[in-house]
């Protein structure tokens, strides 16, 4: 029997702080909450601080709420980090539609969580799938999005731009050992430290009864990944461009400039054509996962935008 690996999701914040030189006098005040979104579905979230959250964070596909840990530590304010449906500790949204992932259903669930846990939030931050969900949330629940931040995503996302990511996500469903899972993840993220990858896996994977490991977003109760010729099918996002036409509130677009980014110059130009008031920030040393590659720079940008 493979050795069991201990996991305490609140025991590793000191590692995040140490890796990025952040002060750490005591563990942060963080708790996990669950919100009932329907009779058979709950969403989960991390609540940072003891005040009403100022910012709501929505992670990318195949990630979870802990992807924002270092950003939250650096910001030092009350925030809410939600596990999207079928990710982290949240229940699945149910079977995916044959043609698209359920952005509208995701947005409705996220709206329920925001109203329950962050009713006075001043800003919604969405990365990748979380950014697309933020756009759907803005379309369907506009009053909940007084300021919007999109991190390395636009409705111009497509299969070609995300091929490297979907190849990784569509890899083996299970791994015999933690070491094999860590090795594959390090190969996909060669610029990250071993300790950060170990933390990320512990937050994003489950050790099952036989000792092997499965990604939380591919656990038994998660919906099967939509497939087209073996590749993950992305949501039909074209209609989300229209959200920018009607959104006159503050908007910031953060783009990673390394090759792993999934945004093109044409995507950025289209966003600015539709919402010329957008604040655009290019992060030179970040790829698609800006919060993972340059969390302190992202935290500074968010604090600046929040105060503007």
Protein backbone atom coordinates (compact mmCIF):
# COMPACT_ATOMS: atom_id res chain seq x y z
CA UNK A 1 0.00 0.00 0.00
CA UNK A 2 1.36 3.42 -0.97
CA UNK A 3 2.12 5.63 2.03
CA UNK A 4 -0.60 8.14 2.90
CA UNK A 5 0.42 11.79 2.47
CA UNK A 6 -0.80 14.16 5.18
CA UNK A 7 -2.72 17.22 3.97
CA UNK A 8 -3.82 20.23 6.01
CA UNK A 9 -4.89 22.99 3.64
CA UNK A 10 -4.24 25.75 6.19
CA UNK A 11 -0.77 24.58 7.28
CA UNK A 12 1.34 25.81 4.36
CA UNK A 13 0.81 29.58 4.20
CA UNK A 14 4.21 30.12 5.84
CA UNK A 15 5.79 28.48 2.79
CA UNK A 16 4.08 30.95 0.44
CA UNK A 17 5.28 33.84 2.61
CA UNK A 18 8.85 32.53 2.84
CA UNK A 19 9.17 31.90 -0.90
CA UNK A 20 8.23 35.50 -1.73
CA UNK A 21 9.76 37.29 1.26
CA UNK A 22 6.45 38.32 2.79
CA UNK A 23 6.22 39.11 6.52
CA UNK A 24 4.68 36.29 8.52
CA UNK A 25 4.17 37.05 12.20
CA UNK A 26 1.25 34.61 12.52
CA UNK A 27 -0.96 32.44 10.30
CA UNK A 28 -3.57 34.42 8.37
CA UNK A 29 -7.21 34.22 9.36
CA UNK A 30 -8.69 31.96 6.67
CA UNK A 31 -11.71 29.69 6.82
CA UNK A 32 -13.53 27.41 4.39
CA UNK A 33 -17.23 28.01 3.83
CA UNK A 34 -19.88 26.12 1.86
CA UNK A 35 -22.91 27.72 0.21
CA UNK A 36 -25.94 25.76 -0.96
CA UNK A 37 -26.64 26.73 -4.58
CA UNK A 38 -29.39 24.19 -5.24
CA UNK A 39 -31.00 21.22 -3.55
CA UNK A 40 -28.13 18.95 -4.58
CA UNK A 41 -25.18 21.27 -5.11
CA UNK A 42 -22.86 23.26 -2.83
CA UNK A 43 -20.01 25.55 -3.75
CA UNK A 44 -17.03 26.09 -1.49
CA UNK A 45 -14.82 29.10 -0.93
CA UNK A 46 -11.95 30.41 1.16
CA UNK A 47 -12.77 33.52 3.20
CA UNK A 48 -9.71 35.58 4.11
CA UNK A 49 -10.06 37.93 7.09
CA UNK A 50 -12.90 38.65 9.50
CA UNK A 51 -14.51 41.51 7.57
CA UNK A 52 -16.81 41.46 4.56
CA UNK A 53 -14.61 40.58 1.56
CA UNK A 54 -13.58 43.46 -0.67
CA UNK A 55 -12.50 41.34 -3.66
CA UNK A 56 -13.81 38.08 -5.11
CA UNK A 57 -11.36 35.82 -6.96
CA UNK A 58 -12.34 33.21 -9.57
CA UNK A 59 -9.61 30.75 -10.60
CA UNK A 60 -8.93 29.15 -13.95
CA UNK A 61 -9.97 25.76 -15.27
CA UNK A 62 -8.31 22.78 -13.53
CA UNK A 63 -7.25 25.05 -10.65
CA UNK A 64 -8.82 25.83 -7.26
CA UNK A 65 -9.20 28.67 -4.75
CA UNK A 66 -5.72 28.14 -3.29
CA UNK A 67 -4.12 29.39 -6.50
CA UNK A 68 -4.62 32.90 -5.04
CA UNK A 69 -2.92 32.20 -1.67
CA UNK A 70 0.24 34.24 -2.24
CA UNK A 71 -1.73 37.10 -3.83
CA UNK A 72 -4.09 37.16 -0.84
CA UNK A 73 -1.19 37.10 1.63
CA UNK A 74 0.51 39.97 -0.18
CA UNK A 75 -2.64 42.10 -0.33
CA UNK A 76 -3.49 41.70 3.34
CA UNK A 77 -7.19 42.59 2.97
CA UNK A 78 -10.43 40.63 3.29
CA UNK A 79 -11.03 38.61 0.11
CA UNK A 80 -13.13 35.68 -1.07
CA UNK A 81 -11.62 32.93 -3.26
CA UNK A 82 -14.27 30.62 -4.73
CA UNK A 83 -13.84 27.07 -6.01
CA UNK A 84 -15.62 26.93 -9.35
CA UNK A 85 -18.18 24.13 -9.83
CA UNK A 86 -16.45 20.77 -10.23
CA UNK A 87 -13.17 22.17 -8.85
CA UNK A 88 -11.51 22.18 -5.45
CA UNK A 89 -14.06 21.41 -2.73
CA UNK A 90 -17.12 22.49 -4.75
CA UNK A 91 -19.73 20.10 -6.05
CA UNK A 92 -20.10 19.60 -9.77
CA UNK A 93 -22.56 21.72 -11.74
CA UNK A 94 -23.80 18.51 -13.36
CA UNK A 95 -23.20 17.05 -16.77
CA UNK A 96 -21.81 19.48 -19.29
CA UNK A 97 -23.87 20.46 -22.29
CA UNK A 98 -22.72 18.62 -25.39
CA UNK A 99 -21.58 21.85 -27.05
CA UNK A 100 -20.22 24.01 -24.23
CA UNK A 101 -19.24 24.23 -20.59
CA UNK A 102 -22.06 25.81 -18.54
CA UNK A 103 -20.80 29.38 -18.08
CA UNK A 104 -24.32 30.64 -17.40
CA UNK A 105 -24.93 28.04 -14.70
CA UNK A 106 -21.48 28.73 -13.23
CA UNK A 107 -22.31 32.44 -13.13
CA UNK A 108 -25.60 31.81 -11.33
CA UNK A 109 -23.85 29.67 -8.73
CA UNK A 110 -21.09 32.24 -8.26
CA UNK A 111 -23.74 34.96 -7.82
CA UNK A 112 -25.33 32.91 -5.04
CA UNK A 113 -21.98 32.58 -3.26
CA UNK A 114 -21.15 36.28 -3.62
CA UNK A 115 -24.51 37.32 -2.20
CA UNK A 116 -23.99 34.97 0.75
CA UNK A 117 -20.33 35.62 1.56
CA UNK A 118 -19.24 38.89 -0.12
CA UNK A 119 -22.33 41.08 -0.62
CA UNK A 120 -20.27 44.27 -0.49
CA UNK A 121 -17.44 43.20 -2.80
CA UNK A 122 -15.98 46.09 -4.77
CA UNK A 123 -14.18 44.06 -7.44
CA UNK A 124 -14.35 40.67 -9.19
CA UNK A 125 -11.09 39.15 -10.44
CA UNK A 126 -11.31 36.25 -12.90
CA UNK A 127 -8.45 34.30 -14.48
CA UNK A 128 -8.91 32.10 -17.58
CA UNK A 129 -12.14 30.08 -17.08
CA UNK A 130 -12.76 32.29 -14.04
CA UNK A 131 -12.49 35.31 -16.32
CA UNK A 132 -15.02 33.89 -18.76
CA UNK A 133 -17.27 33.16 -15.80
CA UNK A 134 -16.78 36.76 -14.65
CA UNK A 135 -18.00 37.97 -18.03
CA UNK A 136 -21.06 35.71 -17.79
CA UNK A 137 -21.62 36.99 -14.24
CA UNK A 138 -21.42 40.57 -15.51
CA UNK A 139 -23.91 39.80 -18.26
CA UNK A 140 -26.42 38.07 -15.96
CA UNK A 141 -25.81 39.75 -12.58
CA UNK A 142 -24.28 43.10 -13.48
CA UNK A 143 -24.94 44.65 -10.08
CA UNK A 144 -22.45 42.25 -8.50
CA UNK A 145 -19.52 43.51 -10.62
CA UNK A 146 -18.70 47.15 -9.73
CA UNK A 147 -15.12 46.66 -10.98
CA UNK A 148 -13.82 43.87 -13.18
CA UNK A 149 -10.33 42.42 -13.62
CA UNK A 150 -9.63 39.82 -16.31
CA UNK A 151 -6.37 37.91 -15.96
CA UNK A 152 -4.98 36.55 -19.23
CA UNK A 153 -8.22 35.74 -20.97
CA UNK A 154 -10.61 37.23 -23.49
CA UNK A 155 -13.55 35.74 -25.39
CA UNK A 156 -11.05 35.16 -28.20
CA UNK A 157 -9.73 32.06 -26.45
CA UNK A 158 -9.72 28.95 -28.65
CA UNK A 159 -8.35 25.43 -29.01
CA UNK A 160 -5.17 26.49 -30.78
CA UNK A 161 -4.23 29.06 -28.13
CA UNK A 162 -4.85 26.66 -25.25
CA UNK A 163 -3.36 23.49 -26.73
CA UNK A 164 -0.45 23.21 -24.29
CA UNK A 165 -2.79 23.64 -21.34
CA UNK A 166 -5.42 21.20 -22.58
CA UNK A 167 -2.73 18.62 -23.40
CA UNK A 168 -1.67 18.75 -19.75
CA UNK A 169 -5.23 18.74 -18.36
CA UNK A 170 -6.16 15.80 -20.60
CA UNK A 171 -3.20 13.76 -19.39
CA UNK A 172 -3.45 10.65 -17.22
CA UNK A 173 -6.57 10.54 -15.04
CA UNK A 174 -4.72 8.94 -12.11
CA UNK A 175 -1.13 8.64 -10.90
CA UNK A 176 0.31 5.72 -8.90
CA UNK A 177 2.27 8.00 -6.57
CA UNK A 178 2.64 11.59 -5.49
CA UNK A 179 6.18 11.63 -6.90
CA UNK A 180 4.96 10.78 -10.42
CA UNK A 181 2.30 13.47 -10.24
CA UNK A 182 4.88 15.99 -9.02
CA UNK A 183 7.33 15.06 -11.78
CA UNK A 184 4.76 15.57 -14.54
CA UNK A 185 3.62 18.87 -13.06
CA UNK A 186 7.19 20.14 -12.78
CA UNK A 187 7.76 19.31 -16.45
CA UNK A 188 4.76 21.47 -17.36
CA UNK A 189 5.86 24.31 -15.02
CA UNK A 190 9.68 24.34 -15.25
CA UNK A 191 10.01 27.89 -13.87
CA UNK A 192 8.27 27.09 -10.56
CA UNK A 193 9.99 25.88 -7.42
CA UNK A 194 9.60 22.33 -6.17
CA UNK A 195 7.99 23.54 -2.94
CA UNK A 196 5.38 25.64 -4.77
CA UNK A 197 4.51 22.72 -7.04
CA UNK A 198 4.18 20.39 -4.06
CA UNK A 199 1.78 22.82 -2.36
CA UNK A 200 -0.20 23.25 -5.55
CA UNK A 201 -0.64 19.51 -6.02
CA UNK A 202 -1.70 18.93 -2.42
CA UNK A 203 -4.38 21.60 -2.86
CA UNK A 204 -5.48 20.35 -6.28
CA UNK A 205 -5.29 16.55 -6.06
CA UNK A 206 -6.76 13.78 -3.90
CA UNK A 207 -5.12 10.61 -2.66
CA UNK A 208 -7.76 7.90 -3.03
CA UNK A 209 -8.26 4.66 -1.11
CA UNK A 210 -5.67 2.60 -2.98
CA UNK A 211 -2.98 5.25 -2.44
CA UNK A 212 -3.01 6.61 -5.99
CA UNK A 213 -3.79 10.23 -6.87
CA UNK A 214 -6.45 11.96 -8.94
CA UNK A 215 -6.91 15.64 -9.76
CA UNK A 216 -9.82 17.16 -7.85
CA UNK A 217 -11.36 18.36 -11.11
CA UNK A 218 -11.31 14.76 -12.39
CA UNK A 219 -12.63 13.08 -9.25
CA UNK A 220 -15.51 10.59 -9.46
CA UNK A 221 -18.26 13.16 -8.87
CA UNK A 222 -16.90 15.67 -11.37
CA UNK A 223 -18.47 15.73 -14.85
CA UNK A 224 -16.45 14.17 -17.66
CA UNK A 225 -14.32 16.62 -19.57
CA UNK A 226 -15.98 17.53 -22.89
CA UNK A 227 -13.94 16.07 -25.71
CA UNK A 228 -13.44 16.92 -29.35
CA UNK A 229 -10.99 14.57 -31.04
CA UNK A 230 -9.28 13.99 -27.72
CA UNK A 231 -9.00 17.65 -26.72
CA UNK A 232 -10.81 19.63 -24.07
CA UNK A 233 -13.67 21.61 -25.58
CA UNK A 234 -13.75 25.26 -24.58
CA UNK A 235 -16.96 27.19 -23.94
CA UNK A 236 -18.56 29.00 -26.85
CA UNK A 237 -17.31 32.43 -25.86
CA UNK A 238 -17.96 34.61 -28.91
CA UNK A 239 -21.11 36.19 -27.46
CA UNK A 240 -19.17 37.30 -24.37
CA UNK A 241 -17.47 40.02 -26.44
CA UNK A 242 -20.79 41.87 -26.24
CA UNK A 243 -20.37 42.25 -22.47
CA UNK A 244 -17.65 44.83 -23.05
CA UNK A 245 -19.94 46.97 -25.19
CA UNK A 246 -22.34 47.46 -22.30
CA UNK A 247 -19.90 47.50 -19.37
CA UNK A 248 -19.08 51.12 -18.60
CA UNK A 249 -17.62 50.47 -15.17
CA UNK A 250 -13.89 50.24 -14.31
CA UNK A 251 -12.14 47.37 -16.07
CA UNK A 252 -8.54 46.15 -15.93
CA UNK A 253 -6.99 43.57 -18.23
CA UNK A 254 -3.81 41.84 -17.01
CA UNK A 255 -1.89 39.93 -19.66
CA UNK A 256 1.04 37.58 -19.15
CA UNK A 257 3.62 38.19 -21.85
CA UNK A 258 5.50 34.90 -21.83
CA UNK A 259 4.71 32.28 -24.46
CA UNK A 260 2.31 30.38 -22.18
CA UNK A 261 -0.21 33.23 -22.42
CA UNK A 262 -3.39 32.42 -24.34
CA UNK A 263 -4.07 36.02 -25.42
CA UNK A 264 -3.07 37.46 -28.78
CA UNK A 265 -2.45 41.07 -29.79
CA UNK A 266 -5.65 40.85 -31.83
CA UNK A 267 -7.62 39.81 -28.73
CA UNK A 268 -6.29 42.77 -26.78
CA UNK A 269 -7.06 45.15 -29.63
CA UNK A 270 -10.64 43.88 -29.85
CA UNK A 271 -11.13 44.34 -26.11
CA UNK A 272 -9.88 47.93 -26.34
CA UNK A 273 -12.05 48.61 -29.37
CA UNK A 274 -15.13 47.59 -27.41
CA UNK A 275 -14.06 49.05 -24.03
CA UNK A 276 -11.52 51.81 -24.69
CA UNK A 277 -11.52 52.85 -21.03
CA UNK A 278 -9.86 49.53 -20.06
CA UNK A 279 -6.64 49.72 -18.05
CA UNK A 280 -4.20 47.29 -19.68
CA UNK A 281 -1.24 45.84 -17.77
CA UNK A 282 1.43 43.66 -19.39
CA UNK A 283 3.35 41.42 -16.97
CA UNK A 284 6.58 40.55 -18.72
CA UNK A 285 7.69 37.66 -16.49
CA UNK A 286 4.34 35.89 -16.35
CA UNK A 287 2.71 33.34 -18.60
CA UNK A 288 -0.95 32.35 -18.49
CA UNK A 289 -1.01 31.88 -14.70
CA UNK A 290 -0.04 35.39 -13.65
CA UNK A 291 -1.00 34.71 -10.02
CA UNK A 292 1.38 31.75 -9.94
CA UNK A 293 4.28 33.28 -11.89
CA UNK A 294 4.32 36.82 -10.45
CA UNK A 295 1.92 36.97 -7.48
CA UNK A 296 3.46 40.05 -5.86
CA UNK A 297 3.26 42.08 -9.06
CA UNK A 298 -0.35 41.03 -9.54
CA UNK A 299 -1.19 41.91 -5.93
CA UNK A 300 0.27 45.40 -6.40
CA UNK A 301 -1.73 45.92 -9.60
CA UNK A 302 -4.95 44.83 -7.91
CA UNK A 303 -4.44 47.10 -4.91
CA UNK A 304 -3.70 50.01 -7.24
CA UNK A 305 -6.83 49.35 -9.30
CA UNK A 306 -8.98 48.88 -6.20
CA UNK A 307 -7.87 52.30 -4.93
CA UNK A 308 -8.40 54.08 -8.27
